[in-house]
N, C-alpha and C. Protein backbone atom coordinates (compact mmCIF):
# COMPACT_ATOMS: atom_id res chain seq x y z
N UNK A 1 8.06 -44.22 -38.21
CA UNK A 1 8.51 -43.03 -37.53
C UNK A 1 7.90 -41.77 -38.15
N UNK A 2 7.79 -41.75 -39.47
CA UNK A 2 7.22 -40.58 -40.12
C UNK A 2 5.72 -40.48 -39.85
N UNK A 3 5.06 -41.65 -39.60
CA UNK A 3 3.63 -41.64 -39.28
C UNK A 3 3.39 -40.92 -37.95
N UNK A 4 4.28 -41.14 -36.96
CA UNK A 4 4.16 -40.47 -35.65
C UNK A 4 4.37 -38.98 -35.76
N UNK A 5 5.35 -38.58 -36.58
CA UNK A 5 5.61 -37.15 -36.71
C UNK A 5 4.50 -36.47 -37.50
N UNK A 6 3.91 -37.18 -38.49
CA UNK A 6 2.78 -36.61 -39.22
C UNK A 6 1.57 -36.43 -38.31
N UNK A 7 1.34 -37.42 -37.46
CA UNK A 7 0.22 -37.33 -36.52
C UNK A 7 0.44 -36.17 -35.54
N UNK A 8 1.68 -36.02 -35.04
CA UNK A 8 2.01 -34.94 -34.13
C UNK A 8 1.81 -33.59 -34.83
N UNK A 9 2.23 -33.51 -36.08
CA UNK A 9 2.08 -32.27 -36.83
C UNK A 9 0.60 -31.94 -37.02
N UNK A 10 -0.23 -32.96 -37.34
CA UNK A 10 -1.66 -32.73 -37.49
C UNK A 10 -2.29 -32.26 -36.17
N UNK A 11 -1.85 -32.87 -35.06
CA UNK A 11 -2.39 -32.47 -33.75
C UNK A 11 -2.03 -31.03 -33.42
N UNK A 12 -0.80 -30.66 -33.73
CA UNK A 12 -0.37 -29.28 -33.46
C UNK A 12 -1.17 -28.31 -34.32
N UNK A 13 -1.36 -28.64 -35.59
CA UNK A 13 -2.14 -27.77 -36.48
C UNK A 13 -3.58 -27.65 -35.99
N UNK A 14 -4.14 -28.76 -35.49
CA UNK A 14 -5.51 -28.73 -34.99
C UNK A 14 -5.63 -27.84 -33.75
N UNK A 15 -4.66 -27.97 -32.86
CA UNK A 15 -4.68 -27.14 -31.65
C UNK A 15 -4.53 -25.67 -32.02
N UNK A 16 -3.63 -25.37 -32.94
CA UNK A 16 -3.44 -23.98 -33.36
C UNK A 16 -4.69 -23.41 -34.02
N UNK A 17 -5.36 -24.21 -34.82
CA UNK A 17 -6.59 -23.71 -35.45
C UNK A 17 -7.69 -23.50 -34.42
N UNK A 18 -7.74 -24.36 -33.39
CA UNK A 18 -8.74 -24.18 -32.34
C UNK A 18 -8.44 -22.97 -31.47
N UNK A 19 -7.18 -22.64 -31.29
CA UNK A 19 -6.80 -21.48 -30.49
C UNK A 19 -7.26 -20.20 -31.18
N UNK A 20 -7.16 -20.16 -32.51
CA UNK A 20 -7.59 -18.97 -33.24
C UNK A 20 -9.09 -18.73 -33.09
N UNK A 21 -9.85 -19.82 -32.95
CA UNK A 21 -11.30 -19.69 -32.82
C UNK A 21 -11.75 -19.45 -31.38
N UNK A 22 -10.85 -19.58 -30.44
CA UNK A 22 -11.21 -19.47 -29.03
C UNK A 22 -11.52 -18.02 -28.68
N UNK A 23 -12.59 -17.80 -27.96
CA UNK A 23 -12.98 -16.45 -27.57
C UNK A 23 -12.27 -16.10 -26.26
N UNK A 24 -11.20 -15.32 -26.35
CA UNK A 24 -10.38 -14.99 -25.17
C UNK A 24 -11.11 -14.05 -24.23
N UNK A 25 -12.05 -13.27 -24.77
CA UNK A 25 -12.73 -12.29 -23.94
C UNK A 25 -14.04 -12.83 -23.35
N UNK A 26 -14.26 -14.11 -23.45
CA UNK A 26 -15.51 -14.67 -22.96
C UNK A 26 -15.67 -14.43 -21.46
N UNK A 27 -14.62 -14.64 -20.70
CA UNK A 27 -14.71 -14.47 -19.24
C UNK A 27 -14.87 -13.00 -18.88
N UNK A 28 -14.22 -12.12 -19.61
CA UNK A 28 -14.29 -10.70 -19.30
C UNK A 28 -15.59 -10.07 -19.79
N UNK A 29 -16.28 -10.73 -20.73
CA UNK A 29 -17.49 -10.13 -21.27
C UNK A 29 -18.67 -10.26 -20.31
N UNK A 30 -18.56 -11.16 -19.32
CA UNK A 30 -19.65 -11.28 -18.35
C UNK A 30 -19.70 -10.04 -17.47
N UNK A 31 -20.88 -9.62 -17.17
CA UNK A 31 -21.04 -8.48 -16.26
C UNK A 31 -20.82 -8.96 -14.85
N UNK A 32 -20.05 -8.23 -14.06
CA UNK A 32 -19.85 -8.66 -12.67
C UNK A 32 -21.14 -8.55 -11.88
N UNK A 33 -21.30 -9.48 -10.94
CA UNK A 33 -22.49 -9.48 -10.11
C UNK A 33 -22.43 -8.40 -9.05
N UNK A 34 -23.52 -8.20 -8.33
CA UNK A 34 -23.56 -7.14 -7.31
C UNK A 34 -22.61 -7.40 -6.15
N UNK A 35 -22.36 -8.66 -5.85
CA UNK A 35 -21.43 -8.97 -4.76
C UNK A 35 -20.01 -8.60 -5.17
N UNK A 36 -19.64 -8.94 -6.42
CA UNK A 36 -18.30 -8.60 -6.89
C UNK A 36 -18.11 -7.08 -6.96
N UNK A 37 -19.13 -6.36 -7.40
CA UNK A 37 -19.04 -4.90 -7.47
C UNK A 37 -18.88 -4.32 -6.06
N UNK A 38 -19.64 -4.85 -5.10
CA UNK A 38 -19.54 -4.35 -3.72
C UNK A 38 -18.16 -4.63 -3.14
N UNK A 39 -17.62 -5.83 -3.41
CA UNK A 39 -16.29 -6.15 -2.91
C UNK A 39 -15.22 -5.27 -3.54
N UNK A 40 -15.34 -4.99 -4.83
CA UNK A 40 -14.36 -4.12 -5.49
C UNK A 40 -14.42 -2.70 -4.93
N UNK A 41 -15.63 -2.20 -4.70
CA UNK A 41 -15.76 -0.85 -4.13
C UNK A 41 -15.19 -0.79 -2.72
N UNK A 42 -15.48 -1.83 -1.92
CA UNK A 42 -14.96 -1.88 -0.56
C UNK A 42 -13.44 -1.93 -0.57
N UNK A 43 -12.87 -2.77 -1.44
CA UNK A 43 -11.41 -2.89 -1.52
C UNK A 43 -10.75 -1.61 -1.97
N UNK A 44 -11.30 -0.95 -2.98
CA UNK A 44 -10.69 0.30 -3.45
C UNK A 44 -10.82 1.41 -2.41
N UNK A 45 -11.95 1.42 -1.68
CA UNK A 45 -12.10 2.41 -0.61
C UNK A 45 -11.12 2.18 0.52
N UNK A 46 -10.91 0.91 0.85
CA UNK A 46 -9.96 0.56 1.91
C UNK A 46 -8.54 0.94 1.52
N UNK A 47 -8.17 0.69 0.28
CA UNK A 47 -6.83 1.02 -0.19
C UNK A 47 -6.63 2.53 -0.22
N UNK A 48 -7.63 3.28 -0.65
CA UNK A 48 -7.47 4.74 -0.71
C UNK A 48 -7.36 5.33 0.70
N UNK A 49 -8.10 4.76 1.65
CA UNK A 49 -7.98 5.26 3.03
C UNK A 49 -6.64 4.87 3.65
N UNK A 50 -6.14 3.70 3.34
CA UNK A 50 -4.85 3.29 3.87
C UNK A 50 -3.72 4.12 3.26
N UNK A 51 -3.87 4.55 2.02
CA UNK A 51 -2.86 5.38 1.39
C UNK A 51 -2.85 6.78 1.99
N UNK A 52 -3.99 7.23 2.50
CA UNK A 52 -4.07 8.56 3.09
C UNK A 52 -3.71 8.56 4.58
N UNK A 53 -3.31 7.41 5.11
CA UNK A 53 -2.97 7.28 6.53
C UNK A 53 -1.65 7.99 6.82
N UNK A 54 -1.64 8.76 7.89
CA UNK A 54 -0.43 9.48 8.27
C UNK A 54 0.03 8.97 9.64
N UNK A 55 1.26 9.28 10.02
CA UNK A 55 1.73 8.88 11.34
C UNK A 55 0.90 9.48 12.47
N UNK A 56 0.38 10.68 12.26
CA UNK A 56 -0.45 11.30 13.30
C UNK A 56 -1.74 10.52 13.52
N UNK A 57 -2.29 9.97 12.44
CA UNK A 57 -3.48 9.12 12.59
C UNK A 57 -3.17 7.91 13.46
N UNK A 58 -2.01 7.29 13.23
CA UNK A 58 -1.64 6.13 14.02
C UNK A 58 -1.41 6.49 15.49
N UNK A 59 -0.81 7.64 15.73
CA UNK A 59 -0.59 8.07 17.11
C UNK A 59 -1.93 8.28 17.83
N UNK A 60 -2.86 8.95 17.16
CA UNK A 60 -4.16 9.19 17.77
C UNK A 60 -4.95 7.90 17.96
N UNK A 61 -4.91 7.02 16.98
CA UNK A 61 -5.61 5.75 17.08
C UNK A 61 -5.02 4.90 18.20
N UNK A 62 -3.70 4.86 18.29
CA UNK A 62 -3.05 4.08 19.34
C UNK A 62 -3.38 4.61 20.72
N UNK A 63 -3.38 5.94 20.87
CA UNK A 63 -3.71 6.53 22.17
C UNK A 63 -5.16 6.25 22.53
N UNK A 64 -6.06 6.35 21.55
CA UNK A 64 -7.47 6.08 21.83
C UNK A 64 -7.69 4.62 22.21
N UNK A 65 -7.04 3.70 21.49
CA UNK A 65 -7.18 2.28 21.84
C UNK A 65 -6.62 1.99 23.22
N UNK A 66 -5.52 2.64 23.56
CA UNK A 66 -4.91 2.44 24.87
C UNK A 66 -5.85 2.92 25.98
N UNK A 67 -6.43 4.10 25.80
CA UNK A 67 -7.33 4.64 26.82
C UNK A 67 -8.58 3.79 26.95
N UNK A 68 -9.18 3.41 25.82
CA UNK A 68 -10.38 2.57 25.87
C UNK A 68 -10.06 1.22 26.49
N UNK A 69 -8.90 0.66 26.15
CA UNK A 69 -8.50 -0.62 26.71
C UNK A 69 -8.27 -0.57 28.21
N UNK A 70 -7.76 0.56 28.70
CA UNK A 70 -7.54 0.69 30.14
C UNK A 70 -8.85 0.91 30.89
N UNK A 71 -9.83 1.55 30.24
CA UNK A 71 -11.11 1.79 30.88
C UNK A 71 -11.93 0.51 30.96
N UNK A 72 -11.90 -0.29 29.88
CA UNK A 72 -12.67 -1.53 29.85
C UNK A 72 -12.03 -2.58 30.75
N UNK A 73 -12.86 -3.47 31.23
CA UNK A 73 -12.36 -4.59 32.03
C UNK A 73 -12.45 -5.85 31.19
N UNK A 74 -11.71 -6.86 31.55
CA UNK A 74 -11.76 -8.14 30.84
C UNK A 74 -10.88 -8.13 29.61
N UNK A 75 -11.48 -8.03 28.43
CA UNK A 75 -10.74 -8.05 27.17
C UNK A 75 -10.07 -6.74 26.84
N UNK A 76 -10.21 -5.76 27.71
CA UNK A 76 -9.61 -4.45 27.46
C UNK A 76 -8.10 -4.47 27.51
N UNK A 77 -7.53 -5.46 28.18
CA UNK A 77 -6.07 -5.55 28.26
C UNK A 77 -5.47 -5.76 26.87
N UNK A 78 -6.11 -6.62 26.08
CA UNK A 78 -5.61 -6.86 24.73
C UNK A 78 -5.78 -5.63 23.86
N UNK A 79 -6.83 -4.90 24.06
CA UNK A 79 -7.05 -3.67 23.32
C UNK A 79 -5.99 -2.62 23.68
N UNK A 80 -5.63 -2.57 24.97
CA UNK A 80 -4.58 -1.65 25.41
C UNK A 80 -3.23 -2.05 24.80
N UNK A 81 -2.96 -3.33 24.71
CA UNK A 81 -1.69 -3.79 24.11
C UNK A 81 -1.65 -3.44 22.63
N UNK A 82 -2.77 -3.64 21.93
CA UNK A 82 -2.84 -3.25 20.51
C UNK A 82 -2.65 -1.75 20.38
N UNK A 83 -3.23 -0.98 21.29
CA UNK A 83 -3.07 0.47 21.26
C UNK A 83 -1.61 0.88 21.44
N UNK A 84 -0.92 0.19 22.34
CA UNK A 84 0.51 0.49 22.54
C UNK A 84 1.30 0.19 21.28
N UNK A 85 1.01 -0.95 20.65
CA UNK A 85 1.73 -1.33 19.43
C UNK A 85 1.46 -0.33 18.31
N UNK A 86 0.20 0.05 18.12
CA UNK A 86 -0.14 1.02 17.07
C UNK A 86 0.51 2.37 17.36
N UNK A 87 0.52 2.77 18.62
CA UNK A 87 1.15 4.04 18.99
C UNK A 87 2.65 4.00 18.70
N UNK A 88 3.30 2.90 19.03
CA UNK A 88 4.74 2.79 18.79
C UNK A 88 5.05 2.76 17.30
N UNK A 89 4.19 2.12 16.51
CA UNK A 89 4.40 2.14 15.05
C UNK A 89 4.28 3.57 14.53
N UNK A 90 3.29 4.31 14.99
CA UNK A 90 3.14 5.70 14.57
C UNK A 90 4.32 6.56 15.03
N UNK A 91 4.81 6.30 16.23
CA UNK A 91 5.96 7.05 16.74
C UNK A 91 7.22 6.75 15.92
N UNK A 92 7.42 5.48 15.58
CA UNK A 92 8.58 5.11 14.76
C UNK A 92 8.47 5.73 13.37
N UNK A 93 7.25 5.70 12.80
CA UNK A 93 7.04 6.27 11.47
C UNK A 93 7.29 7.77 11.48
N UNK A 94 6.87 8.44 12.55
CA UNK A 94 7.11 9.88 12.67
C UNK A 94 8.60 10.17 12.77
N UNK A 95 9.33 9.36 13.53
CA UNK A 95 10.76 9.61 13.69
C UNK A 95 11.54 9.34 12.41
N UNK A 96 10.99 8.52 11.52
CA UNK A 96 11.66 8.23 10.25
C UNK A 96 11.29 9.23 9.16
N UNK A 97 10.51 10.23 9.48
CA UNK A 97 10.22 11.28 8.51
C UNK A 97 8.79 11.33 8.04
N UNK A 98 7.93 10.48 8.54
CA UNK A 98 6.53 10.53 8.14
C UNK A 98 6.35 10.15 6.69
N UNK A 99 5.33 10.71 6.05
CA UNK A 99 5.13 10.44 4.63
C UNK A 99 5.26 11.73 3.84
N UNK A 100 6.45 12.26 3.83
CA UNK A 100 6.68 13.47 3.05
C UNK A 100 6.45 13.17 1.58
N UNK A 101 5.97 14.13 0.86
CA UNK A 101 5.62 13.95 -0.53
C UNK A 101 6.86 13.94 -1.41
N UNK A 102 7.18 12.78 -1.98
CA UNK A 102 8.22 12.62 -3.01
C UNK A 102 9.56 13.23 -2.60
N UNK A 103 9.97 13.02 -1.37
CA UNK A 103 11.27 13.48 -0.88
C UNK A 103 11.48 14.98 -1.08
N UNK A 104 10.44 15.75 -0.93
CA UNK A 104 10.58 17.20 -1.02
C UNK A 104 11.23 17.71 0.25
N UNK A 105 12.06 18.72 0.14
CA UNK A 105 12.68 19.25 1.34
C UNK A 105 11.65 19.90 2.25
N UNK A 106 11.93 19.87 3.53
CA UNK A 106 11.03 20.51 4.48
C UNK A 106 11.18 22.02 4.37
N UNK A 107 10.09 22.70 4.58
CA UNK A 107 10.16 24.14 4.48
C UNK A 107 8.80 24.75 4.75
N UNK A 108 8.71 26.04 4.52
CA UNK A 108 7.48 26.75 4.74
C UNK A 108 7.49 28.07 4.00
N UNK A 109 6.37 28.74 4.05
CA UNK A 109 6.24 30.02 3.37
C UNK A 109 6.37 31.14 4.38
N UNK A 110 7.12 32.16 4.03
CA UNK A 110 7.28 33.35 4.83
C UNK A 110 7.29 34.53 3.88
N UNK A 111 6.35 35.44 4.05
CA UNK A 111 6.19 36.60 3.16
C UNK A 111 6.09 36.16 1.70
N UNK A 112 5.26 35.18 1.46
CA UNK A 112 4.97 34.65 0.12
C UNK A 112 6.20 34.08 -0.59
N UNK A 113 7.18 33.66 0.17
CA UNK A 113 8.36 33.01 -0.40
C UNK A 113 8.55 31.68 0.31
N UNK A 114 8.94 30.65 -0.45
CA UNK A 114 9.17 29.34 0.14
C UNK A 114 10.58 29.30 0.70
N UNK A 115 10.69 28.95 1.97
CA UNK A 115 11.98 28.86 2.65
C UNK A 115 12.22 27.38 2.98
N UNK A 116 13.37 26.85 2.53
CA UNK A 116 13.72 25.46 2.82
C UNK A 116 14.47 25.40 4.14
N UNK A 117 14.08 24.44 4.98
CA UNK A 117 14.71 24.31 6.29
C UNK A 117 15.96 23.44 6.25
N UNK A 118 16.13 22.67 5.20
CA UNK A 118 17.28 21.79 5.11
C UNK A 118 18.28 22.37 4.12
N UNK A 119 19.55 22.32 4.51
CA UNK A 119 20.59 22.79 3.62
C UNK A 119 21.03 21.63 2.74
N UNK A 120 21.34 21.95 1.50
CA UNK A 120 21.84 20.90 0.61
C UNK A 120 23.35 20.80 0.80
N UNK A 121 23.76 19.74 1.46
CA UNK A 121 25.19 19.53 1.72
C UNK A 121 25.82 18.77 0.56
N UNK A 122 26.98 19.23 0.16
CA UNK A 122 27.71 18.51 -0.88
C UNK A 122 28.62 17.46 -0.27
N UNK A 123 28.83 17.54 1.04
CA UNK A 123 29.66 16.57 1.72
C UNK A 123 28.87 15.25 1.87
N UNK A 124 29.34 14.15 1.28
CA UNK A 124 28.58 12.90 1.34
C UNK A 124 28.46 12.34 2.76
N UNK A 125 29.47 12.60 3.61
CA UNK A 125 29.41 12.10 4.98
C UNK A 125 28.31 12.81 5.76
N UNK A 126 28.17 14.11 5.58
CA UNK A 126 27.10 14.85 6.24
C UNK A 126 25.73 14.42 5.73
N UNK A 127 25.63 14.19 4.40
CA UNK A 127 24.37 13.72 3.84
C UNK A 127 23.98 12.36 4.43
N UNK A 128 24.95 11.49 4.63
CA UNK A 128 24.66 10.16 5.18
C UNK A 128 24.12 10.26 6.59
N UNK A 129 24.77 11.08 7.44
CA UNK A 129 24.32 11.19 8.82
C UNK A 129 23.02 11.97 8.94
N UNK A 130 22.79 12.93 8.07
CA UNK A 130 21.54 13.68 8.09
C UNK A 130 20.38 12.79 7.64
N UNK A 131 20.62 11.92 6.68
CA UNK A 131 19.58 11.04 6.17
C UNK A 131 19.21 9.97 7.19
N UNK A 132 20.16 9.54 8.02
CA UNK A 132 19.92 8.43 8.95
C UNK A 132 19.72 8.90 10.39
N UNK A 133 19.21 10.08 10.58
CA UNK A 133 18.99 10.52 11.96
C UNK A 133 17.70 10.02 12.51
């Protein structure tokens, strides 16, 4: 029984010593190829454009797809349906408040002063109904 535990202990020590010698950065040290660089640039560009998307963009895109789909014959019906769906998504997003920056209150500048259009209600019931309109 002690021979088995000694062998197990030796195996564990051997594995631990090999782990210390293992080059963990070997995979990361390779330079990425041109295809990988192109894919990364394309992906980051796509993500940055999607992050800058507003509800107005969706409304315009949906309307354009709908018009082009109605003008085209044949496969244009599917394009019109996609346009309707994109338009409705943009309309729903607009009705839910769009993409306001970090829940800042709506407002504007008048005579170089910022005027907030929303009142801060202390009544929790009013806040609930105002938030869910």
